[in-house]
Amino acid sequence: MAEQAEAFGFNSTSLEDLPGRGTSNYPRDMDEPQTAMSGIGQSSVTASPLQMAMVAAGIANGGEVKRPYLVDEVRAPNASLLDKTEESTYSRAISSATADQLTDMMVATVESGTAGVAAIPGVSVAGKTGTAQSTDSRPPYARFVSFAPADDPQVAVAVMVEASDTARDEIAGGTLGGPIAKAIMEAVMGS
């Protein structure tokens, strides 16, 4: 499990042009129960929204995870191009066949599962909801990752909501994060 998580960028600082960033952590020393719990957002796994956007984008890219960057290009006052960031591959995390299967499951999550609020009419949206535990004294985090269109991806989104004023039993990735992701995807795609 740790090896697979690392293929998506965990335990690394993949954002090279932003100093001081946090590392998403997938511990290598978990026992079997901790490993099982990590699959549902429990245990000692930590993941930043950027990390989860990399996971969603990696699935959308057929299993190829790209290295994220902040600045696409730098232009002079006269608009001439001074510098352009070249896209680079971080890793091949999964096969394209596995990415296709995950995409189908994520589309089903939006079409008939826990992420229906992220559906965009006329656009196939792939999404995954999640609720990750924090500490005993804090409510869980509502998480949602998605990409669209599922058959020709243009945008990948990761949302994390800290819902301190929401009742604990109402905190869910689909209901809190889904509408935010939908709005972002619609804005990017011009829907």
N, C-alpha and C. Protein backbone atom coordinates (compact mmCIF):
# COMPACT_ATOMS: atom_id res chain seq x y z
N MET A 1 0.82 -1.19 0.00
CA MET A 1 0.00 0.00 0.00
C MET A 1 0.87 1.26 0.00
N ALA A 2 1.91 1.27 0.81
CA ALA A 2 2.78 2.46 0.87
C ALA A 2 3.45 2.69 -0.47
N GLU A 3 3.88 1.62 -1.11
CA GLU A 3 4.52 1.74 -2.42
C GLU A 3 3.56 2.35 -3.44
N GLN A 4 2.31 1.91 -3.41
CA GLN A 4 1.31 2.46 -4.33
C GLN A 4 1.03 3.92 -4.02
N ALA A 5 0.91 4.26 -2.74
CA ALA A 5 0.69 5.65 -2.35
C ALA A 5 1.86 6.52 -2.82
N GLU A 6 3.07 6.01 -2.68
CA GLU A 6 4.24 6.78 -3.11
C GLU A 6 4.28 6.99 -4.62
N ALA A 7 3.71 6.07 -5.38
CA ALA A 7 3.64 6.25 -6.83
C ALA A 7 2.76 7.46 -7.18
N PHE A 8 1.81 7.81 -6.30
CA PHE A 8 0.96 8.98 -6.50
C PHE A 8 1.55 10.24 -5.85
N GLY A 9 2.70 10.13 -5.18
CA GLY A 9 3.37 11.30 -4.63
C GLY A 9 3.41 11.41 -3.11
N PHE A 10 2.82 10.45 -2.40
CA PHE A 10 2.90 10.49 -0.94
C PHE A 10 4.36 10.31 -0.51
N ASN A 11 4.69 10.81 0.68
CA ASN A 11 6.03 10.72 1.27
C ASN A 11 7.09 11.45 0.44
N SER A 12 6.65 12.43 -0.33
CA SER A 12 7.56 13.21 -1.17
C SER A 12 7.07 14.65 -1.21
N THR A 13 7.96 15.55 -1.53
CA THR A 13 7.53 16.93 -1.75
C THR A 13 7.59 17.18 -3.25
N SER A 14 6.51 16.90 -3.93
CA SER A 14 6.48 16.94 -5.39
C SER A 14 6.31 18.34 -5.96
N LEU A 15 5.94 19.30 -5.15
CA LEU A 15 5.79 20.67 -5.63
C LEU A 15 7.11 21.39 -5.39
N GLU A 16 7.97 21.38 -6.40
CA GLU A 16 9.35 21.85 -6.24
C GLU A 16 9.47 23.37 -6.18
N ASP A 17 8.51 24.10 -6.76
CA ASP A 17 8.68 25.55 -6.82
C ASP A 17 7.95 26.30 -5.70
N LEU A 18 7.59 25.61 -4.63
CA LEU A 18 6.96 26.25 -3.49
C LEU A 18 7.64 25.77 -2.22
N PRO A 19 8.53 26.59 -1.66
CA PRO A 19 9.22 26.16 -0.43
C PRO A 19 8.26 26.12 0.76
N GLY A 20 8.58 25.26 1.72
CA GLY A 20 7.81 25.20 2.96
C GLY A 20 6.53 24.41 2.87
N ARG A 21 6.31 23.68 1.83
CA ARG A 21 5.08 22.92 1.68
C ARG A 21 5.10 21.66 2.54
N GLY A 22 3.93 21.17 2.84
CA GLY A 22 3.81 19.97 3.64
C GLY A 22 3.93 18.72 2.80
N THR A 23 4.25 17.63 3.43
CA THR A 23 4.36 16.34 2.76
C THR A 23 3.15 15.50 3.13
N SER A 24 2.50 14.94 2.14
CA SER A 24 1.44 13.97 2.42
C SER A 24 2.12 12.69 2.84
N ASN A 25 1.60 12.08 3.90
CA ASN A 25 2.30 10.98 4.54
C ASN A 25 1.50 9.69 4.49
N TYR A 26 2.14 8.64 4.00
CA TYR A 26 1.59 7.29 4.11
C TYR A 26 2.66 6.48 4.85
N PRO A 27 2.46 6.23 6.17
CA PRO A 27 3.48 5.54 6.96
C PRO A 27 3.78 4.15 6.43
N ARG A 28 5.04 3.78 6.50
CA ARG A 28 5.46 2.45 6.05
C ARG A 28 5.44 1.42 7.18
N ASP A 29 5.17 1.87 8.41
CA ASP A 29 5.26 0.95 9.55
C ASP A 29 3.89 0.59 10.15
N MET A 30 2.83 0.70 9.37
CA MET A 30 1.50 0.38 9.90
C MET A 30 1.31 -1.14 9.97
N ASP A 31 0.57 -1.58 10.98
CA ASP A 31 0.22 -3.00 11.06
C ASP A 31 -1.01 -3.25 10.17
N GLU A 32 -1.48 -4.49 10.11
CA GLU A 32 -2.59 -4.83 9.21
C GLU A 32 -3.88 -4.05 9.51
N PRO A 33 -4.31 -3.95 10.78
CA PRO A 33 -5.53 -3.16 11.05
C PRO A 33 -5.37 -1.68 10.67
N GLN A 34 -4.19 -1.10 10.95
CA GLN A 34 -3.97 0.29 10.58
C GLN A 34 -3.98 0.46 9.06
N THR A 35 -3.41 -0.49 8.36
CA THR A 35 -3.39 -0.44 6.90
C THR A 35 -4.82 -0.52 6.36
N ALA A 36 -5.63 -1.40 6.93
CA ALA A 36 -7.03 -1.50 6.49
C ALA A 36 -7.77 -0.20 6.76
N MET A 37 -7.56 0.39 7.92
CA MET A 37 -8.25 1.64 8.26
C MET A 37 -7.79 2.80 7.38
N SER A 38 -6.55 2.76 6.91
CA SER A 38 -6.03 3.84 6.08
C SER A 38 -6.81 3.97 4.77
N GLY A 39 -7.39 2.88 4.31
CA GLY A 39 -8.16 2.90 3.07
C GLY A 39 -9.45 3.67 3.16
N ILE A 40 -9.90 4.00 4.36
CA ILE A 40 -11.14 4.76 4.52
C ILE A 40 -10.90 6.07 5.28
N GLY A 41 -9.67 6.58 5.20
CA GLY A 41 -9.39 7.88 5.80
C GLY A 41 -9.11 7.85 7.28
N GLN A 42 -8.81 6.72 7.81
CA GLN A 42 -8.49 6.59 9.24
C GLN A 42 -7.00 6.35 9.38
N SER A 43 -6.54 6.13 10.58
CA SER A 43 -5.16 5.81 10.91
C SER A 43 -4.26 7.04 10.76
N SER A 44 -3.02 6.87 10.37
CA SER A 44 -2.03 7.95 10.39
C SER A 44 -1.71 8.53 9.01
N VAL A 45 -2.53 8.28 8.03
CA VAL A 45 -2.31 8.82 6.69
C VAL A 45 -2.73 10.29 6.68
N THR A 46 -1.90 11.13 6.09
CA THR A 46 -2.26 12.54 5.91
C THR A 46 -2.12 12.88 4.43
N ALA A 47 -3.06 13.67 3.93
CA ALA A 47 -3.03 14.03 2.51
C ALA A 47 -3.50 15.46 2.33
N SER A 48 -2.70 16.25 1.67
CA SER A 48 -3.09 17.63 1.39
C SER A 48 -4.08 17.64 0.22
N PRO A 49 -4.84 18.72 0.07
CA PRO A 49 -5.71 18.81 -1.11
C PRO A 49 -4.91 18.71 -2.42
N LEU A 50 -3.72 19.29 -2.46
CA LEU A 50 -2.89 19.16 -3.67
C LEU A 50 -2.57 17.70 -3.95
N GLN A 51 -2.24 16.95 -2.90
CA GLN A 51 -1.93 15.53 -3.08
C GLN A 51 -3.13 14.80 -3.67
N MET A 52 -4.30 15.08 -3.15
CA MET A 52 -5.49 14.39 -3.65
C MET A 52 -5.85 14.85 -5.06
N ALA A 53 -5.55 16.10 -5.41
CA ALA A 53 -5.74 16.55 -6.80
C ALA A 53 -4.79 15.79 -7.72
N MET A 54 -3.56 15.52 -7.25
CA MET A 54 -2.63 14.72 -8.04
C MET A 54 -3.15 13.31 -8.25
N VAL A 55 -3.78 12.74 -7.24
CA VAL A 55 -4.35 11.39 -7.38
C VAL A 55 -5.46 11.41 -8.42
N ALA A 56 -6.39 12.35 -8.30
CA ALA A 56 -7.50 12.44 -9.26
C ALA A 56 -6.98 12.69 -10.67
N ALA A 57 -6.03 13.62 -10.81
CA ALA A 57 -5.47 13.92 -12.13
C ALA A 57 -4.71 12.73 -12.70
N GLY A 58 -4.03 11.97 -11.83
CA GLY A 58 -3.33 10.78 -12.29
C GLY A 58 -4.28 9.74 -12.86
N ILE A 59 -5.41 9.56 -12.23
CA ILE A 59 -6.42 8.64 -12.76
C ILE A 59 -6.95 9.20 -14.08
N ALA A 60 -7.24 10.50 -14.12
CA ALA A 60 -7.75 11.14 -15.33
C ALA A 60 -6.76 11.04 -16.49
N ASN A 61 -5.45 11.05 -16.18
CA ASN A 61 -4.40 10.96 -17.20
C ASN A 61 -4.06 9.52 -17.56
N GLY A 62 -4.93 8.60 -17.26
CA GLY A 62 -4.68 7.20 -17.62
C GLY A 62 -3.62 6.53 -16.77
N GLY A 63 -3.38 7.06 -15.55
CA GLY A 63 -2.42 6.46 -14.64
C GLY A 63 -1.11 7.21 -14.55
N GLU A 64 -0.93 8.24 -15.38
CA GLU A 64 0.30 9.02 -15.36
C GLU A 64 0.12 10.25 -14.47
N VAL A 65 0.96 10.35 -13.45
CA VAL A 65 0.89 11.46 -12.51
C VAL A 65 1.88 12.54 -12.96
N LYS A 66 1.38 13.73 -13.16
CA LYS A 66 2.23 14.85 -13.58
C LYS A 66 2.74 15.60 -12.36
N ARG A 67 3.91 16.20 -12.50
CA ARG A 67 4.48 17.01 -11.42
C ARG A 67 3.74 18.35 -11.41
N PRO A 68 3.19 18.76 -10.28
CA PRO A 68 2.46 20.03 -10.23
C PRO A 68 3.42 21.22 -10.22
N TYR A 69 2.92 22.35 -10.68
CA TYR A 69 3.71 23.58 -10.63
C TYR A 69 2.77 24.75 -10.46
N LEU A 70 3.30 25.87 -9.98
CA LEU A 70 2.50 27.05 -9.70
C LEU A 70 2.44 28.03 -10.86
N VAL A 71 3.55 28.24 -11.52
CA VAL A 71 3.62 29.27 -12.55
C VAL A 71 3.76 28.60 -13.92
N ASP A 72 2.80 28.85 -14.79
CA ASP A 72 2.83 28.28 -16.13
C ASP A 72 3.82 29.05 -17.02
N GLU A 73 3.72 30.38 -16.98
CA GLU A 73 4.64 31.17 -17.79
C GLU A 73 4.84 32.55 -17.17
N VAL A 74 5.99 33.15 -17.51
CA VAL A 74 6.33 34.49 -17.06
C VAL A 74 6.45 35.37 -18.30
N ARG A 75 5.78 36.52 -18.24
CA ARG A 75 5.80 37.44 -19.38
C ARG A 75 6.36 38.80 -18.97
N ALA A 76 6.98 39.45 -19.92
CA ALA A 76 7.52 40.80 -19.72
C ALA A 76 6.38 41.81 -19.81
N PRO A 77 6.64 43.07 -19.42
CA PRO A 77 5.59 44.10 -19.52
C PRO A 77 5.00 44.25 -20.92
N ASN A 78 5.78 43.92 -21.95
CA ASN A 78 5.26 44.00 -23.33
C ASN A 78 4.58 42.70 -23.76
N ALA A 79 4.38 41.79 -22.82
CA ALA A 79 3.70 40.50 -23.03
C ALA A 79 4.55 39.46 -23.75
N SER A 80 5.82 39.75 -23.98
CA SER A 80 6.68 38.73 -24.59
C SER A 80 6.99 37.64 -23.55
N LEU A 81 7.11 36.44 -24.03
CA LEU A 81 7.35 35.29 -23.15
C LEU A 81 8.80 35.28 -22.66
N LEU A 82 8.96 35.27 -21.34
CA LEU A 82 10.29 35.21 -20.74
C LEU A 82 10.66 33.79 -20.33
N ASP A 83 9.67 33.04 -19.82
CA ASP A 83 9.94 31.70 -19.33
C ASP A 83 8.63 30.91 -19.34
N LYS A 84 8.72 29.62 -19.63
CA LYS A 84 7.55 28.75 -19.62
C LYS A 84 7.93 27.46 -18.91
N THR A 85 7.08 27.01 -18.00
CA THR A 85 7.31 25.75 -17.29
C THR A 85 6.98 24.60 -18.23
N GLU A 86 7.88 23.67 -18.33
CA GLU A 86 7.65 22.48 -19.15
C GLU A 86 6.97 21.41 -18.30
N GLU A 87 5.93 20.84 -18.81
CA GLU A 87 5.22 19.77 -18.10
C GLU A 87 6.15 18.57 -17.96
N SER A 88 6.09 17.91 -16.79
CA SER A 88 6.91 16.71 -16.60
C SER A 88 6.11 15.65 -15.85
N THR A 89 6.49 14.42 -16.08
CA THR A 89 5.82 13.30 -15.44
C THR A 89 6.50 12.98 -14.12
N TYR A 90 5.69 12.81 -13.08
CA TYR A 90 6.19 12.41 -11.77
C TYR A 90 6.38 10.89 -11.73
N SER A 91 5.32 10.17 -12.17
CA SER A 91 5.39 8.71 -12.16
C SER A 91 4.26 8.11 -12.99
N ARG A 92 4.40 6.84 -13.27
CA ARG A 92 3.31 6.04 -13.84
C ARG A 92 2.79 5.26 -12.65
N ALA A 93 1.69 5.74 -12.05
CA ALA A 93 1.20 5.18 -10.79
C ALA A 93 0.41 3.89 -10.99
N ILE A 94 -0.39 3.86 -12.05
CA ILE A 94 -1.23 2.69 -12.34
C ILE A 94 -1.31 2.51 -13.85
N SER A 95 -1.76 1.35 -14.28
CA SER A 95 -1.92 1.10 -15.72
C SER A 95 -3.13 1.86 -16.25
N SER A 96 -3.17 2.06 -17.55
CA SER A 96 -4.32 2.75 -18.14
C SER A 96 -5.59 1.92 -17.96
N ALA A 97 -5.47 0.60 -17.94
CA ALA A 97 -6.65 -0.25 -17.73
C ALA A 97 -7.21 -0.05 -16.32
N THR A 98 -6.32 0.03 -15.33
CA THR A 98 -6.77 0.28 -13.96
C THR A 98 -7.37 1.67 -13.85
N ALA A 99 -6.75 2.66 -14.49
CA ALA A 99 -7.30 4.02 -14.48
C ALA A 99 -8.69 4.05 -15.10
N ASP A 100 -8.90 3.30 -16.17
CA ASP A 100 -10.23 3.24 -16.80
C ASP A 100 -11.26 2.63 -15.85
N GLN A 101 -10.87 1.58 -15.14
CA GLN A 101 -11.79 0.95 -14.18
C GLN A 101 -12.12 1.90 -13.04
N LEU A 102 -11.12 2.59 -12.52
CA LEU A 102 -11.37 3.57 -11.46
C LEU A 102 -12.25 4.70 -11.95
N THR A 103 -12.02 5.16 -13.18
CA THR A 103 -12.86 6.22 -13.75
C THR A 103 -14.31 5.76 -13.81
N ASP A 104 -14.54 4.55 -14.27
CA ASP A 104 -15.92 4.02 -14.34
C ASP A 104 -16.56 4.00 -12.96
N MET A 105 -15.81 3.58 -11.95
CA MET A 105 -16.35 3.55 -10.58
C MET A 105 -16.63 4.95 -10.07
N MET A 106 -15.74 5.91 -10.39
CA MET A 106 -15.94 7.29 -9.95
C MET A 106 -17.12 7.94 -10.65
N VAL A 107 -17.34 7.61 -11.91
CA VAL A 107 -18.51 8.12 -12.63
C VAL A 107 -19.78 7.56 -11.99
N ALA A 108 -19.76 6.28 -11.63
CA ALA A 108 -20.92 5.67 -10.97
C ALA A 108 -21.20 6.34 -9.62
N THR A 109 -20.15 6.77 -8.92
CA THR A 109 -20.33 7.46 -7.64
C THR A 109 -21.11 8.75 -7.83
N VAL A 110 -20.88 9.44 -8.95
CA VAL A 110 -21.60 10.69 -9.23
C VAL A 110 -22.98 10.39 -9.79
N GLU A 111 -23.08 9.43 -10.69
CA GLU A 111 -24.36 9.15 -11.35
C GLU A 111 -25.38 8.46 -10.44
N SER A 112 -24.89 7.60 -9.54
CA SER A 112 -25.86 6.84 -8.74
C SER A 112 -25.39 6.56 -7.32
N GLY A 113 -24.40 7.30 -6.86
CA GLY A 113 -23.86 7.05 -5.53
C GLY A 113 -23.92 8.26 -4.64
N THR A 114 -22.89 8.42 -3.82
CA THR A 114 -22.86 9.45 -2.78
C THR A 114 -22.46 10.84 -3.27
N ALA A 115 -22.20 10.99 -4.57
CA ALA A 115 -21.72 12.28 -5.09
C ALA A 115 -22.65 12.89 -6.13
N GLY A 116 -23.92 12.59 -6.05
CA GLY A 116 -24.87 13.11 -7.03
C GLY A 116 -24.93 14.62 -7.12
N VAL A 117 -24.61 15.32 -6.02
CA VAL A 117 -24.65 16.78 -6.04
C VAL A 117 -23.57 17.39 -6.92
N ALA A 118 -22.60 16.59 -7.35
CA ALA A 118 -21.53 17.09 -8.22
C ALA A 118 -21.84 16.86 -9.70
N ALA A 119 -22.99 16.27 -10.00
CA ALA A 119 -23.35 16.00 -11.40
C ALA A 119 -23.53 17.32 -12.16
N ILE A 120 -23.03 17.34 -13.38
CA ILE A 120 -23.18 18.48 -14.27
C ILE A 120 -23.97 18.00 -15.49
N PRO A 121 -25.13 18.59 -15.75
CA PRO A 121 -25.94 18.14 -16.89
C PRO A 121 -25.14 18.14 -18.19
N GLY A 122 -25.18 17.03 -18.90
CA GLY A 122 -24.50 16.91 -20.18
C GLY A 122 -23.01 16.63 -20.11
N VAL A 123 -22.46 16.49 -18.89
CA VAL A 123 -21.03 16.23 -18.71
C VAL A 123 -20.86 15.02 -17.81
N SER A 124 -20.04 14.08 -18.23
CA SER A 124 -19.74 12.92 -17.40
C SER A 124 -18.69 13.32 -16.37
N VAL A 125 -19.06 13.26 -15.10
CA VAL A 125 -18.17 13.67 -14.00
C VAL A 125 -17.74 12.43 -13.22
N ALA A 126 -16.43 12.32 -12.95
CA ALA A 126 -15.90 11.26 -12.11
C ALA A 126 -15.61 11.86 -10.74
N GLY A 127 -16.07 11.23 -9.67
CA GLY A 127 -15.86 11.78 -8.34
C GLY A 127 -15.77 10.72 -7.28
N LYS A 128 -15.17 11.08 -6.16
CA LYS A 128 -15.06 10.20 -5.00
C LYS A 128 -15.22 11.03 -3.75
N THR A 129 -16.13 10.62 -2.90
CA THR A 129 -16.37 11.30 -1.64
C THR A 129 -15.47 10.70 -0.56
N GLY A 130 -15.30 11.44 0.52
CA GLY A 130 -14.54 10.92 1.64
C GLY A 130 -14.76 11.75 2.87
N THR A 131 -14.63 11.10 4.01
CA THR A 131 -14.68 11.79 5.29
C THR A 131 -13.48 11.29 6.08
N ALA A 132 -12.55 12.18 6.39
CA ALA A 132 -11.32 11.79 7.06
C ALA A 132 -11.32 12.27 8.50
N GLN A 133 -10.97 11.40 9.41
CA GLN A 133 -10.92 11.75 10.82
C GLN A 133 -9.79 12.73 11.10
N SER A 134 -10.00 13.57 12.08
CA SER A 134 -8.98 14.50 12.53
C SER A 134 -8.55 14.03 13.92
N THR A 135 -8.87 14.79 14.95
CA THR A 135 -8.57 14.37 16.31
C THR A 135 -9.90 14.17 17.05
N ASP A 136 -9.84 13.62 18.24
CA ASP A 136 -11.06 13.38 19.01
C ASP A 136 -11.80 14.68 19.33
N SER A 137 -11.07 15.78 19.43
CA SER A 137 -11.70 17.05 19.80
C SER A 137 -12.14 17.88 18.59
N ARG A 138 -11.86 17.41 17.39
CA ARG A 138 -12.23 18.15 16.18
C ARG A 138 -13.12 17.29 15.30
N PRO A 139 -14.02 17.91 14.56
CA PRO A 139 -14.85 17.14 13.64
C PRO A 139 -14.02 16.62 12.45
N PRO A 140 -14.52 15.62 11.75
CA PRO A 140 -13.78 15.10 10.59
C PRO A 140 -13.78 16.10 9.44
N TYR A 141 -12.93 15.84 8.48
CA TYR A 141 -12.85 16.66 7.27
C TYR A 141 -13.72 16.03 6.19
N ALA A 142 -14.46 16.86 5.50
CA ALA A 142 -15.22 16.39 4.34
C ALA A 142 -14.32 16.57 3.12
N ARG A 143 -14.14 15.51 2.35
CA ARG A 143 -13.24 15.56 1.19
C ARG A 143 -13.99 15.12 -0.05
N PHE A 144 -13.57 15.68 -1.17
CA PHE A 144 -14.14 15.28 -2.45
C PHE A 144 -13.10 15.50 -3.54
N VAL A 145 -12.87 14.49 -4.36
CA VAL A 145 -11.99 14.62 -5.52
C VAL A 145 -12.80 14.29 -6.76
N SER A 146 -12.45 14.96 -7.86
CA SER A 146 -13.20 14.74 -9.09
C SER A 146 -12.41 15.19 -10.30
N PHE A 147 -12.89 14.78 -11.46
CA PHE A 147 -12.39 15.31 -12.72
C PHE A 147 -13.50 15.23 -13.76
N ALA A 148 -13.37 16.09 -14.77
CA ALA A 148 -14.41 16.15 -15.80
C ALA A 148 -13.84 16.78 -17.07
N PRO A 149 -14.46 16.51 -18.18
CA PRO A 149 -15.33 15.38 -18.45
C PRO A 149 -14.57 14.06 -18.25
N ALA A 150 -15.24 13.07 -17.79
CA ALA A 150 -14.59 11.81 -17.47
C ALA A 150 -13.96 11.16 -18.70
N ASP A 151 -14.55 11.37 -19.88
CA ASP A 151 -14.04 10.74 -21.09
C ASP A 151 -13.00 11.59 -21.83
N ASP A 152 -12.82 12.84 -21.44
CA ASP A 152 -11.82 13.74 -22.03
C ASP A 152 -11.46 14.80 -20.99
N PRO A 153 -10.75 14.41 -19.93
CA PRO A 153 -10.54 15.30 -18.78
C PRO A 153 -9.89 16.64 -19.12
N GLN A 154 -10.48 17.69 -18.56
CA GLN A 154 -9.97 19.05 -18.69
C GLN A 154 -9.60 19.64 -17.33
N VAL A 155 -10.21 19.13 -16.26
CA VAL A 155 -10.00 19.70 -14.94
C VAL A 155 -10.09 18.60 -13.88
N ALA A 156 -9.15 18.67 -12.92
CA ALA A 156 -9.20 17.80 -11.74
C ALA A 156 -9.29 18.71 -10.53
N VAL A 157 -10.13 18.31 -9.57
CA VAL A 157 -10.39 19.15 -8.40
C VAL A 157 -10.32 18.30 -7.14
N ALA A 158 -9.74 18.89 -6.09
CA ALA A 158 -9.78 18.28 -4.77
C ALA A 158 -10.27 19.34 -3.79
N VAL A 159 -11.26 18.97 -2.99
CA VAL A 159 -11.85 19.89 -2.02
C VAL A 159 -11.73 19.25 -0.64
N MET A 160 -11.32 20.06 0.34
CA MET A 160 -11.32 19.63 1.73
C MET A 160 -12.04 20.70 2.53
N VAL A 161 -13.05 20.29 3.28
CA VAL A 161 -13.84 21.24 4.07
C VAL A 161 -13.65 20.93 5.55
N GLU A 162 -13.24 21.95 6.30
CA GLU A 162 -13.20 21.84 7.75
C GLU A 162 -14.51 22.44 8.24
N ALA A 163 -15.42 21.60 8.66
CA ALA A 163 -16.77 22.04 9.00
C ALA A 163 -16.95 22.09 10.51
N SER A 164 -16.40 23.09 11.14
CA SER A 164 -16.46 23.16 12.59
C SER A 164 -17.85 23.53 13.11
N ASP A 165 -18.68 24.15 12.27
CA ASP A 165 -20.01 24.55 12.74
C ASP A 165 -21.12 23.66 12.20
N THR A 166 -20.77 22.53 11.62
CA THR A 166 -21.74 21.57 11.09
C THR A 166 -21.82 20.38 12.04
N ALA A 167 -23.02 19.87 12.24
CA ALA A 167 -23.17 18.70 13.11
C ALA A 167 -22.33 17.55 12.57
N ARG A 168 -21.67 16.85 13.47
CA ARG A 168 -20.75 15.77 13.09
C ARG A 168 -21.40 14.76 12.14
N ASP A 169 -22.64 14.41 12.38
CA ASP A 169 -23.29 13.41 11.53
C ASP A 169 -23.73 13.96 10.17
N GLU A 170 -23.54 15.26 9.93
CA GLU A 170 -23.87 15.86 8.64
C GLU A 170 -22.62 16.15 7.80
N ILE A 171 -21.46 15.80 8.32
CA ILE A 171 -20.21 16.05 7.59
C ILE A 171 -19.95 14.87 6.66
N ALA A 172 -19.97 15.16 5.37
CA ALA A 172 -19.73 14.15 4.35
C ALA A 172 -19.13 14.82 3.12
N GLY A 173 -18.21 14.14 2.48
CA GLY A 173 -17.53 14.69 1.31
C GLY A 173 -18.46 15.05 0.18
N GLY A 174 -19.46 14.21 -0.08
CA GLY A 174 -20.37 14.49 -1.18
C GLY A 174 -21.24 15.70 -0.94
N THR A 175 -21.81 15.80 0.25
CA THR A 175 -22.74 16.91 0.52
C THR A 175 -22.04 18.24 0.73
N LEU A 176 -20.84 18.26 1.33
CA LEU A 176 -20.14 19.52 1.57
C LEU A 176 -19.14 19.85 0.47
N GLY A 177 -18.37 18.88 0.02
CA GLY A 177 -17.34 19.12 -0.99
C GLY A 177 -17.84 19.04 -2.42
N GLY A 178 -18.84 18.21 -2.66
CA GLY A 178 -19.35 18.02 -4.01
C GLY A 178 -19.82 19.30 -4.70
N PRO A 179 -20.65 20.12 -4.03
CA PRO A 179 -21.10 21.35 -4.68
C PRO A 179 -19.96 22.33 -4.98
N ILE A 180 -18.95 22.36 -4.13
CA ILE A 180 -17.80 23.24 -4.37
C ILE A 180 -17.04 22.76 -5.60
N ALA A 181 -16.77 21.46 -5.68
CA ALA A 181 -16.08 20.89 -6.83
C ALA A 181 -16.86 21.12 -8.11
N LYS A 182 -18.17 20.94 -8.04
CA LYS A 182 -19.03 21.19 -9.22
C LYS A 182 -18.87 22.61 -9.72
N ALA A 183 -18.92 23.57 -8.82
CA ALA A 183 -18.80 24.98 -9.21
C ALA A 183 -17.44 25.26 -9.86
N ILE A 184 -16.39 24.67 -9.33
CA ILE A 184 -15.06 24.88 -9.89
C ILE A 184 -14.97 24.25 -11.28
N MET A 185 -15.46 23.01 -11.42
CA MET A 185 -15.41 22.35 -12.72
C MET A 185 -16.22 23.12 -13.76
N GLU A 186 -17.40 23.58 -13.38
CA GLU A 186 -18.22 24.36 -14.32
C GLU A 186 -17.51 25.64 -14.73
N ALA A 187 -16.85 26.31 -13.79
CA ALA A 187 -16.14 27.55 -14.11
C ALA A 187 -14.99 27.29 -15.07
N VAL A 188 -14.22 26.23 -14.83
CA VAL A 188 -13.08 25.91 -15.69
C VAL A 188 -13.54 25.50 -17.09
N MET A 189 -14.60 24.71 -17.16
CA MET A 189 -15.08 24.22 -18.45
C MET A 189 -16.02 25.21 -19.15
N GLY A 190 -16.40 26.27 -18.46
CA GLY A 190 -17.30 27.22 -19.05
C GLY A 190 -18.71 26.71 -19.21
N SER A 191 -19.12 25.79 -18.33
CA SER A 191 -20.47 25.19 -18.40
C SER A 191 -21.51 26.12 -17.83
